[in-house]
């Protein structure tokens, strides 16, 4: 018997997992950029530090946006979990 195609809930869960993974990777990249900033302070000084700070601030904004997306995906899944085909509530 062939596998059934994923339903909406499974797609939402997969999307949420992918967004969560992206958040984790961006946070890891931020930690690495902070280390680069520390190296600029210790070795180079100047505009490199400012540029690293600007990039990490932009990444922090992006992480915030992705976190909000992750929350919204979860809300969609919870809201629609009780609905059957055609959007009809299962208990009606």
C-alpha atoms as a PDB file:
ATOM      1  CA  UNK A   1       0.000   0.000   0.000  1.00  0.00           C
ATOM      2  CA  UNK A   2       1.380   3.386  -1.007  1.00  0.00           C
ATOM      3  CA  UNK A   3       2.026   6.088   1.588  1.00  0.00           C
ATOM      4  CA  UNK A   4      -0.648   8.721   1.829  1.00  0.00           C
ATOM      5  CA  UNK A   5       0.215  12.270   0.900  1.00  0.00           C
ATOM      6  CA  UNK A   6       0.890  14.497   3.921  1.00  0.00           C
ATOM      7  CA  UNK A   7      -2.102  16.433   5.217  1.00  0.00           C
ATOM      8  CA  UNK A   8      -2.144  20.124   6.144  1.00  0.00           C
ATOM      9  CA  UNK A   9      -1.172  19.418   9.751  1.00  0.00           C
ATOM     10  CA  UNK A  10       1.911  17.474   8.674  1.00  0.00           C
ATOM     11  CA  UNK A  11       2.932  20.287   6.314  1.00  0.00           C
ATOM     12  CA  UNK A  12       2.496  22.819   9.137  1.00  0.00           C
ATOM     13  CA  UNK A  13       4.614  20.697  11.478  1.00  0.00           C
ATOM     14  CA  UNK A  14       7.329  20.352   8.848  1.00  0.00           C
ATOM     15  CA  UNK A  15       7.310  24.091   8.184  1.00  0.00           C
ATOM     16  CA  UNK A  16       7.495  24.819  11.916  1.00  0.00           C
ATOM     17  CA  UNK A  17      10.463  22.451  12.259  1.00  0.00           C
ATOM     18  CA  UNK A  18      12.242  24.123   9.357  1.00  0.00           C
ATOM     19  CA  UNK A  19      11.650  27.610  10.783  1.00  0.00           C
ATOM     20  CA  UNK A  20      12.910  26.431  14.194  1.00  0.00           C
ATOM     21  CA  UNK A  21      16.047  25.022  12.552  1.00  0.00           C
ATOM     22  CA  UNK A  22      16.587  28.338  10.758  1.00  0.00           C
ATOM     23  CA  UNK A  23      16.298  30.218  14.059  1.00  0.00           C
ATOM     24  CA  UNK A  24      18.877  27.934  15.658  1.00  0.00           C
ATOM     25  CA  UNK A  25      21.282  28.390  12.727  1.00  0.00           C
ATOM     26  CA  UNK A  26      20.915  32.173  12.787  1.00  0.00           C
ATOM     27  CA  UNK A  27      21.568  32.271  16.524  1.00  0.00           C
ATOM     28  CA  UNK A  28      24.664  30.146  15.978  1.00  0.00           C
ATOM     29  CA  UNK A  29      25.815  32.535  13.248  1.00  0.00           C
ATOM     30  CA  UNK A  30      25.269  35.459  15.617  1.00  0.00           C
ATOM     31  CA  UNK A  31      27.523  33.857  18.229  1.00  0.00           C
ATOM     32  CA  UNK A  32      30.216  33.396  15.588  1.00  0.00           C
ATOM     33  CA  UNK A  33      29.829  36.999  14.428  1.00  0.00           C
ATOM     34  CA  UNK A  34      30.225  38.191  18.019  1.00  0.00           C
ATOM     35  CA  UNK A  35      33.525  36.306  18.091  1.00  0.00           C
ATOM     36  CA  UNK A  36      34.501  38.050  14.846  1.00  0.00           C
ATOM     37  CA  UNK A  37      33.623  41.358  16.480  1.00  0.00           C
ATOM     38  CA  UNK A  38      35.822  40.503  19.438  1.00  0.00           C
ATOM     39  CA  UNK A  39      38.693  39.778  17.037  1.00  0.00           C
ATOM     40  CA  UNK A  40      38.173  43.130  15.307  1.00  0.00           C
ATOM     41  CA  UNK A  41      38.325  44.904  18.659  1.00  0.00           C
ATOM     42  CA  UNK A  42      41.487  43.052  19.650  1.00  0.00           C
ATOM     43  CA  UNK A  43      43.265  43.192  16.305  1.00  0.00           C
ATOM     44  CA  UNK A  44      41.922  45.708  13.831  1.00  0.00           C
ATOM     45  CA  UNK A  45      39.611  48.276  15.448  1.00  0.00           C
ATOM     46  CA  UNK A  46      37.645  50.619  13.222  1.00  0.00           C
ATOM     47  CA  UNK A  47      34.690  50.067  10.925  1.00  0.00           C
ATOM     48  CA  UNK A  48      34.775  46.272  11.077  1.00  0.00           C
ATOM     49  CA  UNK A  49      33.407  46.299  14.619  1.00  0.00           C
ATOM     50  CA  UNK A  50      30.575  48.626  13.661  1.00  0.00           C
ATOM     51  CA  UNK A  51      29.744  46.509  10.604  1.00  0.00           C
ATOM     52  CA  UNK A  52      29.677  43.296  12.651  1.00  0.00           C
ATOM     53  CA  UNK A  53      27.367  44.929  15.194  1.00  0.00           C
ATOM     54  CA  UNK A  54      25.009  46.119  12.447  1.00  0.00           C
ATOM     55  CA  UNK A  55      24.862  42.670  10.864  1.00  0.00           C
ATOM     56  CA  UNK A  56      24.179  40.961  14.196  1.00  0.00           C
ATOM     57  CA  UNK A  57      21.436  43.499  14.974  1.00  0.00           C
ATOM     58  CA  UNK A  58      19.831  42.752  11.606  1.00  0.00           C
ATOM     59  CA  UNK A  59      20.089  39.043  12.347  1.00  0.00           C
ATOM     60  CA  UNK A  60      18.461  39.580  15.744  1.00  0.00           C
ATOM     61  CA  UNK A  61      15.549  41.320  14.000  1.00  0.00           C
ATOM     62  CA  UNK A  62      15.291  38.417  11.569  1.00  0.00           C
ATOM     63  CA  UNK A  63      15.314  35.890  14.418  1.00  0.00           C
ATOM     64  CA  UNK A  64      12.484  37.864  16.030  1.00  0.00           C
ATOM     65  CA  UNK A  65      10.502  37.781  12.791  1.00  0.00           C
ATOM     66  CA  UNK A  66      11.124  34.055  12.359  1.00  0.00           C
ATOM     67  CA  UNK A  67      10.106  33.418  15.956  1.00  0.00           C
ATOM     68  CA  UNK A  68       6.833  35.228  15.287  1.00  0.00           C
ATOM     69  CA  UNK A  69       6.319  33.083  12.179  1.00  0.00           C
ATOM     70  CA  UNK A  70       6.971  29.945  14.222  1.00  0.00           C
ATOM     71  CA  UNK A  71       4.365  31.055  16.775  1.00  0.00           C
ATOM     72  CA  UNK A  72       1.810  31.808  14.043  1.00  0.00           C
ATOM     73  CA  UNK A  73       2.345  28.416  12.390  1.00  0.00           C
ATOM     74  CA  UNK A  74       1.705  26.794  15.773  1.00  0.00           C
ATOM     75  CA  UNK A  75      -1.483  28.822  16.230  1.00  0.00           C
ATOM     76  CA  UNK A  76      -2.759  27.764  12.811  1.00  0.00           C
ATOM     77  CA  UNK A  77      -2.129  24.120  13.625  1.00  0.00           C
ATOM     78  CA  UNK A  78      -3.836  24.317  17.024  1.00  0.00           C
ATOM     79  CA  UNK A  79      -6.804  26.278  15.718  1.00  0.00           C
ATOM     80  CA  UNK A  80      -7.480  23.961  12.822  1.00  0.00           C
ATOM     81  CA  UNK A  81      -6.697  20.660  14.546  1.00  0.00           C
ATOM     82  CA  UNK A  82     -10.315  20.289  15.657  1.00  0.00           C
ATOM     83  CA  UNK A  83     -11.696  20.777  12.173  1.00  0.00           C
ATOM     84  CA  UNK A  84     -12.480  18.024   9.767  1.00  0.00           C
ATOM     85  CA  UNK A  85     -12.538  18.097   5.961  1.00  0.00           C
ATOM     86  CA  UNK A  86     -14.088  21.239   4.546  1.00  0.00           C
ATOM     87  CA  UNK A  87     -13.382  23.228   7.707  1.00  0.00           C
ATOM     88  CA  UNK A  88     -16.310  21.720   9.623  1.00  0.00           C
ATOM     89  CA  UNK A  89     -15.739  21.198  13.340  1.00  0.00           C
ATOM     90  CA  UNK A  90     -15.498  17.507  14.183  1.00  0.00           C
ATOM     91  CA  UNK A  91     -17.735  17.757  17.270  1.00  0.00           C
ATOM     92  CA  UNK A  92     -20.657  19.464  15.481  1.00  0.00           C
END
